Amino acid sequence: MTTVSIEPAATREALGPTLVRLAREGLPIVVVDADLGVSTTARQFREVYPERFFSVGVAEQNMIGISCGLAAAGKTAFCSTFAVFLPGRCFDQIRVSVAQTGLNVKMIASHGGISVGEDGISAHAIEDLALMSSLVGVNVIVPADVVEAAQAIECAARTPGPFYIRTGRPKVPMIYDDNYRFELGKAHQLRNGSDATIIAVGIMVSRALDAAELLAREGIECRVLNLATVRPLDGAAIVVAARETGAIVTAEEHLVHCGVAAMVAQVVGSKEPVPLGAVGMRDRYAESGRWDELLENYGLTAQVIVGEVKGVLARKRPGGRL
């Protein structure tokens, strides 16, 4: 089992330092920014490589177009802004110019989910994973901590083709250390268990671990999977979890009807039917408030995961299958 450090950090903090390091190693990285480089940390790249940094202002559609042009010229083009704007304001440009061409454009969307907090309802991105996962050929990643975020960004830089990586605003617990190795398209098992599986992404991974610990005190052993790669989905790991534990609960900072819960349900329903539960946003938007209070108010907590696990266990039949 991986232990959680007491030193928190925001996943968005990985972008600038990682890009600087990779450029120093010789990768042909350029960065296109939509006026939010301080918040996304992309601006740190400009301080070292000003000639390879392009700011387009509040013009996300132009940001995608310019990134595609740079990628077509042989560069590894990173572009970044907040998740509510990318893909929110430029989905058509992403669909036509990035996904359909397969260009080497890496889209880093910070401030995902409702944990943006006080910025309010208009800044909360809870549909972005559904939008980006709908596109053919785009790799979609939601890192659980800053270590995984840095490795996912490096993976994107070294792997040809389009990437979408969602990072977050708040400082979250460190789950991994430098011995961890991110693998594109592979779920990572953080905890073993035979009674049920919790599949979580992003900020909810640490809450899934907390929930598993609470359940263990009651004699319920839960497997915990970090599904950092949402696309391509690790269907094999999901099927194995369903077969071996007989019940699954998903946890995400996103709308459940079109996010990770829906994707996992499609795999389980077609391959290995077992009771399913989901923790996430349900048919409503959040208001403005402190990020931790919003997560509590909208049920994105370890305690709610515990209740959902107990709910699926009540529906679990001998042998695990429905």
Protein backbone atom coordinates (compact mmCIF):
# COMPACT_ATOMS: atom_id res chain seq x y z
CA MET A 1 0.00 0.00 0.00
CA THR A 2 1.21 3.50 -0.84
CA THR A 3 1.20 5.90 2.09
CA VAL A 4 0.04 9.51 1.89
CA SER A 5 2.56 12.21 2.77
CA ILE A 6 1.73 15.09 5.08
CA GLU A 7 3.15 17.59 2.57
CA PRO A 8 0.38 18.78 0.23
CA ALA A 9 0.88 20.38 -3.19
CA ALA A 10 -1.37 21.42 -6.06
CA THR A 11 -1.17 19.35 -9.23
CA ARG A 12 -1.04 22.57 -11.28
CA GLU A 13 2.36 23.29 -9.70
CA ALA A 14 3.93 20.57 -11.86
CA LEU A 15 3.52 22.27 -15.24
CA GLY A 16 6.09 25.07 -15.32
CA PRO A 17 9.02 23.26 -13.67
CA THR A 18 8.46 20.10 -15.71
CA LEU A 19 8.40 21.95 -19.03
CA VAL A 20 11.57 23.86 -18.15
CA ARG A 21 13.35 20.62 -17.27
CA LEU A 22 12.26 18.86 -20.44
CA ALA A 23 13.28 21.80 -22.62
CA ARG A 24 16.70 21.77 -20.99
CA GLU A 25 16.92 18.10 -21.92
CA GLY A 26 16.47 19.07 -25.56
CA LEU A 27 12.78 18.49 -26.26
CA PRO A 28 11.39 20.98 -28.84
CA ILE A 29 8.79 22.38 -26.45
CA VAL A 30 6.90 25.59 -27.07
CA VAL A 31 4.18 27.00 -24.84
CA VAL A 32 1.04 28.92 -25.81
CA ASP A 33 -0.76 30.71 -22.98
CA ALA A 34 -4.22 32.28 -22.72
CA ASP A 35 -3.41 34.94 -20.13
CA LEU A 36 -3.47 32.62 -17.10
CA GLY A 37 0.13 31.46 -17.04
CA VAL A 38 0.73 32.55 -13.46
CA SER A 39 -2.14 30.40 -12.18
CA THR A 40 -1.34 27.40 -14.38
CA THR A 41 2.41 27.89 -13.66
CA ALA A 42 3.15 27.90 -17.41
CA ARG A 43 4.61 31.40 -17.01
CA GLN A 44 7.67 29.85 -15.37
CA PHE A 45 8.63 28.53 -18.82
CA ARG A 46 8.65 32.09 -20.21
CA GLU A 47 11.16 33.15 -17.58
CA VAL A 48 13.68 30.65 -18.95
CA TYR A 49 12.65 30.43 -22.63
CA PRO A 50 10.92 33.71 -23.55
CA GLU A 51 11.42 33.12 -27.28
CA ARG A 52 9.44 29.85 -27.02
CA PHE A 53 6.51 31.26 -25.06
CA PHE A 54 3.51 32.84 -26.80
CA SER A 55 0.71 34.68 -25.00
CA VAL A 56 -2.51 35.16 -26.96
CA GLY A 57 -4.52 36.88 -24.25
CA VAL A 58 -8.11 35.86 -23.56
CA ALA A 59 -8.45 34.04 -26.87
CA GLU A 60 -8.63 30.29 -26.26
CA GLN A 61 -9.75 29.44 -29.81
CA ASN A 62 -6.70 31.26 -31.18
CA MET A 63 -4.55 29.44 -28.63
CA ILE A 64 -5.59 26.08 -30.10
CA GLY A 65 -5.05 27.25 -33.68
CA ILE A 66 -1.59 28.63 -32.96
CA SER A 67 -0.66 25.47 -31.05
CA CYS A 68 -1.68 23.37 -34.04
CA GLY A 69 0.44 25.50 -36.35
CA LEU A 70 3.47 25.10 -34.11
CA ALA A 71 2.88 21.35 -33.86
CA ALA A 72 2.57 21.10 -37.65
CA ALA A 73 5.98 22.82 -37.85
CA GLY A 74 7.52 20.06 -35.75
CA LYS A 75 7.27 21.51 -32.26
CA THR A 76 5.85 19.84 -29.15
CA ALA A 77 3.15 22.39 -28.43
CA PHE A 78 1.83 22.80 -24.91
CA CYS A 79 -1.13 25.11 -24.34
CA SER A 80 -2.77 25.90 -21.04
CA THR A 81 -5.58 27.77 -19.37
CA PHE A 82 -8.39 26.91 -16.94
CA ALA A 83 -10.50 23.79 -17.56
CA VAL A 84 -13.68 25.86 -17.83
CA PHE A 85 -12.16 27.57 -20.90
CA LEU A 86 -10.30 24.54 -22.28
CA PRO A 87 -12.33 22.77 -23.64
CA GLY A 88 -15.27 25.00 -22.73
CA ARG A 89 -14.58 27.84 -25.19
CA CYS A 90 -12.66 26.01 -27.91
CA PHE A 91 -14.18 22.56 -28.30
CA ASP A 92 -14.77 22.89 -32.04
CA GLN A 93 -11.17 23.96 -32.65
CA ILE A 94 -9.94 21.01 -30.56
CA ARG A 95 -12.21 18.58 -32.40
CA VAL A 96 -11.30 19.69 -35.92
CA SER A 97 -7.73 20.91 -35.58
CA VAL A 98 -6.34 18.63 -32.86
CA ALA A 99 -8.33 15.40 -32.64
CA GLN A 100 -9.05 14.94 -36.34
CA THR A 101 -5.47 15.74 -37.35
CA GLY A 102 -3.73 13.95 -34.50
CA LEU A 103 -1.29 16.83 -34.14
CA ASN A 104 1.23 16.88 -31.31
CA VAL A 105 -0.71 19.32 -29.11
CA LYS A 106 -0.68 18.93 -25.33
CA MET A 107 -3.59 20.67 -23.59
CA ILE A 108 -3.10 21.32 -19.87
CA ALA A 109 -6.27 22.50 -18.15
CA SER A 110 -5.85 23.81 -14.63
CA HIS A 111 -8.51 24.59 -12.02
CA GLY A 112 -10.69 21.59 -12.87
CA GLY A 113 -13.79 20.58 -10.93
CA ILE A 114 -15.58 22.53 -8.18
CA SER A 115 -12.44 22.85 -6.06
CA VAL A 116 -11.77 26.12 -7.89
CA GLY A 117 -13.85 27.32 -4.96
CA GLU A 118 -14.52 31.03 -4.57
CA ASP A 119 -14.32 31.71 -8.32
CA GLY A 120 -17.90 30.46 -8.45
CA ILE A 121 -20.27 28.53 -10.68
CA SER A 122 -19.06 29.99 -13.99
CA ALA A 123 -15.51 28.78 -13.25
CA HIS A 124 -16.38 25.23 -12.18
CA ALA A 125 -15.51 22.69 -14.88
CA ILE A 126 -17.50 19.52 -14.26
CA GLU A 127 -18.14 18.55 -17.90
CA ASP A 128 -14.59 18.70 -19.31
CA LEU A 129 -13.75 15.00 -19.02
CA ALA A 130 -16.91 14.07 -20.89
CA LEU A 131 -16.13 16.53 -23.68
CA MET A 132 -12.50 15.51 -24.07
CA SER A 133 -13.17 11.77 -23.71
CA SER A 134 -15.67 12.01 -26.55
CA LEU A 135 -12.86 12.84 -28.98
CA VAL A 136 -11.15 10.05 -30.88
CA GLY A 137 -7.43 9.72 -30.30
CA VAL A 138 -7.06 12.22 -27.43
CA ASN A 139 -5.34 10.89 -24.31
CA VAL A 140 -7.14 12.18 -21.19
CA ILE A 141 -5.36 12.18 -17.82
CA VAL A 142 -6.37 13.32 -14.32
CA PRO A 143 -3.35 13.07 -11.98
CA ALA A 144 -3.88 12.29 -8.32
CA ASP A 145 -0.98 14.37 -6.98
CA VAL A 146 1.84 16.63 -8.12
CA VAL A 147 4.28 13.72 -8.59
CA GLU A 148 1.90 11.97 -10.95
CA ALA A 149 1.12 15.28 -12.67
CA ALA A 150 4.79 15.87 -13.45
CA GLN A 151 5.17 12.35 -14.83
CA ALA A 152 1.99 12.65 -16.90
CA ILE A 153 3.24 15.91 -18.41
CA GLU A 154 6.54 14.27 -19.27
CA CYS A 155 4.70 11.30 -20.78
CA ALA A 156 2.70 13.72 -22.92
CA ALA A 157 5.84 15.52 -24.04
CA ARG A 158 7.54 12.28 -25.07
CA THR A 159 4.50 10.59 -26.64
CA PRO A 160 3.28 11.71 -30.09
CA GLY A 161 -0.30 12.88 -30.42
CA PRO A 162 -2.92 14.90 -28.56
CA PHE A 163 -3.16 14.95 -24.76
CA TYR A 164 -5.55 16.57 -22.28
CA ILE A 165 -4.32 16.74 -18.69
CA ARG A 166 -6.59 18.17 -15.97
CA THR A 167 -4.84 19.70 -12.97
CA GLY A 168 -6.27 21.33 -9.86
CA ARG A 169 -6.07 24.51 -7.82
CA PRO A 170 -5.97 23.31 -4.18
CA LYS A 171 -3.05 21.69 -2.44
CA VAL A 172 -3.80 17.99 -2.05
CA PRO A 173 -2.03 15.15 -0.20
CA MET A 174 1.04 13.61 -1.79
CA ILE A 175 0.29 10.00 -2.62
CA TYR A 176 3.39 9.06 -4.59
CA ASP A 177 7.12 9.44 -4.21
CA ASP A 178 9.88 9.52 -6.82
CA ASN A 179 9.84 5.71 -7.12
CA TYR A 180 6.42 5.86 -8.80
CA ARG A 181 6.24 5.40 -12.57
CA PHE A 182 3.17 6.65 -14.41
CA GLU A 183 1.99 4.38 -17.25
CA LEU A 184 -0.34 5.78 -19.89
CA GLY A 185 -3.52 3.72 -20.10
CA LYS A 186 -2.87 1.78 -16.90
CA ALA A 187 -4.78 2.05 -13.63
CA HIS A 188 -2.58 1.90 -10.54
CA GLN A 189 -3.61 -0.19 -7.56
CA LEU A 190 -2.94 1.70 -4.34
CA ARG A 191 -4.53 -0.76 -1.93
CA ASN A 192 -5.54 -4.41 -2.06
CA GLY A 193 -8.92 -5.69 -0.97
CA SER A 194 -11.44 -8.40 -1.79
CA ASP A 195 -14.79 -6.99 -0.64
CA ALA A 196 -15.22 -4.11 -3.10
CA THR A 197 -13.21 -1.76 -5.32
CA ILE A 198 -13.09 2.03 -5.21
CA ILE A 199 -12.02 3.53 -8.55
CA ALA A 200 -11.07 7.19 -8.16
CA VAL A 201 -9.48 10.01 -10.15
CA GLY A 202 -7.77 13.27 -9.27
CA ILE A 203 -8.59 14.91 -5.96
CA MET A 204 -10.83 11.97 -5.02
CA VAL A 205 -7.98 9.43 -4.90
CA SER A 206 -6.79 10.52 -1.45
CA ARG A 207 -10.42 10.49 -0.29
CA ALA A 208 -10.79 6.96 -1.62
CA LEU A 209 -7.77 5.88 0.42
CA ASP A 210 -9.24 7.55 3.51
CA ALA A 211 -12.55 5.76 2.89
CA ALA A 212 -10.81 2.42 2.52
CA GLU A 213 -9.07 2.98 5.84
CA LEU A 214 -12.37 3.80 7.56
CA LEU A 215 -13.98 0.70 6.07
CA ALA A 216 -11.06 -1.50 7.13
CA ARG A 217 -11.78 -0.57 10.74
CA GLU A 218 -15.17 -2.23 10.24
CA GLY A 219 -13.67 -5.31 8.67
CA ILE A 220 -14.41 -4.31 5.05
CA GLU A 221 -11.37 -4.53 2.79
CA CYS A 222 -11.52 -2.37 -0.34
CA ARG A 223 -9.25 -2.36 -3.33
CA VAL A 224 -8.39 1.19 -4.42
CA LEU A 225 -7.54 1.97 -8.05
CA ASN A 226 -6.21 5.30 -9.26
CA LEU A 227 -7.66 5.60 -12.77
CA ALA A 228 -5.45 8.54 -13.74
CA THR A 229 -5.76 7.73 -17.44
CA VAL A 230 -9.40 8.19 -18.35
CA ARG A 231 -8.70 7.69 -22.06
CA PRO A 232 -7.51 5.17 -23.10
CA LEU A 233 -9.45 3.44 -20.34
CA ASP A 234 -7.88 0.45 -18.59
CA GLY A 235 -10.81 -1.86 -19.17
CA ALA A 236 -8.79 -4.92 -18.18
CA ALA A 237 -8.12 -3.58 -14.67
CA ILE A 238 -11.80 -2.70 -14.26
CA VAL A 239 -12.91 -6.18 -15.32
CA VAL A 240 -10.40 -7.82 -12.96
CA ALA A 241 -11.59 -5.62 -10.10
CA ALA A 242 -15.22 -6.51 -10.79
CA ARG A 243 -14.45 -10.22 -11.01
CA GLU A 244 -12.24 -10.37 -7.92
CA THR A 245 -14.12 -8.01 -5.58
CA GLY A 246 -17.68 -8.25 -6.88
CA ALA A 247 -18.65 -4.58 -6.35
CA ILE A 248 -17.36 -1.21 -7.57
CA VAL A 249 -17.75 2.42 -6.48
CA THR A 250 -16.36 5.29 -8.57
CA ALA A 251 -15.32 8.68 -7.16
CA GLU A 252 -14.75 11.79 -9.29
CA GLU A 253 -14.94 15.59 -9.21
CA HIS A 254 -17.16 15.60 -12.29
CA LEU A 255 -20.73 14.87 -13.35
CA VAL A 256 -21.27 11.14 -12.81
CA HIS A 257 -23.73 10.64 -15.69
CA CYS A 258 -21.09 11.45 -18.29
CA GLY A 259 -17.78 10.97 -16.52
CA VAL A 260 -15.74 8.14 -15.01
CA ALA A 261 -18.82 6.49 -13.49
CA ALA A 262 -20.45 6.22 -16.91
CA MET A 263 -17.28 4.87 -18.55
CA VAL A 264 -16.72 2.26 -15.83
CA ALA A 265 -20.39 1.24 -15.98
CA GLN A 266 -20.10 0.63 -19.72
CA VAL A 267 -17.18 -1.74 -19.18
CA VAL A 268 -18.72 -3.53 -16.19
CA GLY A 269 -22.15 -3.85 -17.77
CA SER A 270 -20.79 -5.42 -20.94
CA LYS A 271 -18.01 -7.57 -19.47
CA GLU A 272 -18.52 -8.40 -15.78
CA PRO A 273 -21.81 -7.17 -14.27
CA VAL A 274 -21.58 -6.38 -10.54
CA PRO A 275 -23.28 -3.81 -8.25
CA LEU A 276 -22.09 -0.28 -8.99
CA GLY A 277 -22.11 2.95 -7.02
CA ALA A 278 -20.90 6.45 -7.84
CA VAL A 279 -19.69 9.49 -5.91
CA GLY A 280 -19.53 12.77 -7.80
CA MET A 281 -21.63 15.68 -9.02
CA ARG A 282 -25.27 14.85 -9.79
CA ASP A 283 -27.45 17.08 -11.98
CA ARG A 284 -26.51 20.40 -10.39
CA TYR A 285 -23.85 23.06 -10.36
CA ALA A 286 -22.02 24.29 -7.29
CA GLU A 287 -22.05 27.77 -5.83
CA SER A 288 -19.12 29.90 -4.72
CA GLY A 289 -17.34 28.93 -1.52
CA ARG A 290 -14.18 27.54 0.02
CA TRP A 291 -13.06 24.50 -1.96
CA ASP A 292 -13.02 22.16 1.01
CA GLU A 293 -16.48 23.28 2.10
CA LEU A 294 -17.81 22.76 -1.44
CA LEU A 295 -16.49 19.20 -1.55
CA GLU A 296 -18.18 18.56 1.78
CA ASN A 297 -21.46 20.16 0.71
CA TYR A 298 -21.65 18.21 -2.53
CA GLY A 299 -20.73 14.85 -1.05
CA LEU A 300 -17.21 14.50 -2.44
CA THR A 301 -15.86 13.07 0.82
CA ALA A 302 -14.46 9.88 2.27
CA GLN A 303 -17.58 9.46 4.41
CA VAL A 304 -19.87 9.52 1.38
CA ILE A 305 -17.65 6.97 -0.36
CA VAL A 306 -17.97 4.75 2.73
CA GLY A 307 -21.75 4.94 2.51
CA GLU A 308 -21.73 4.18 -1.20
CA VAL A 309 -19.51 1.12 -0.64
CA LYS A 310 -21.86 -0.18 2.01
CA GLY A 311 -24.72 0.34 -0.43
CA VAL A 312 -23.15 -1.79 -3.16
CA LEU A 313 -22.16 -4.44 -0.63
CA ALA A 314 -25.83 -4.73 0.37
CA ARG A 315 -26.61 -5.59 -3.26
CA LYS A 316 -23.71 -7.94 -3.71
CA ARG A 317 -24.65 -11.57 -4.27
CA PRO A 318 -22.61 -14.69 -3.50
CA GLY A 319 -19.92 -15.00 -6.11
CA GLY A 320 -19.95 -11.25 -6.74
CA ARG A 321 -21.96 -11.15 -9.97
CA LEU A 322 -25.44 -9.71 -10.37
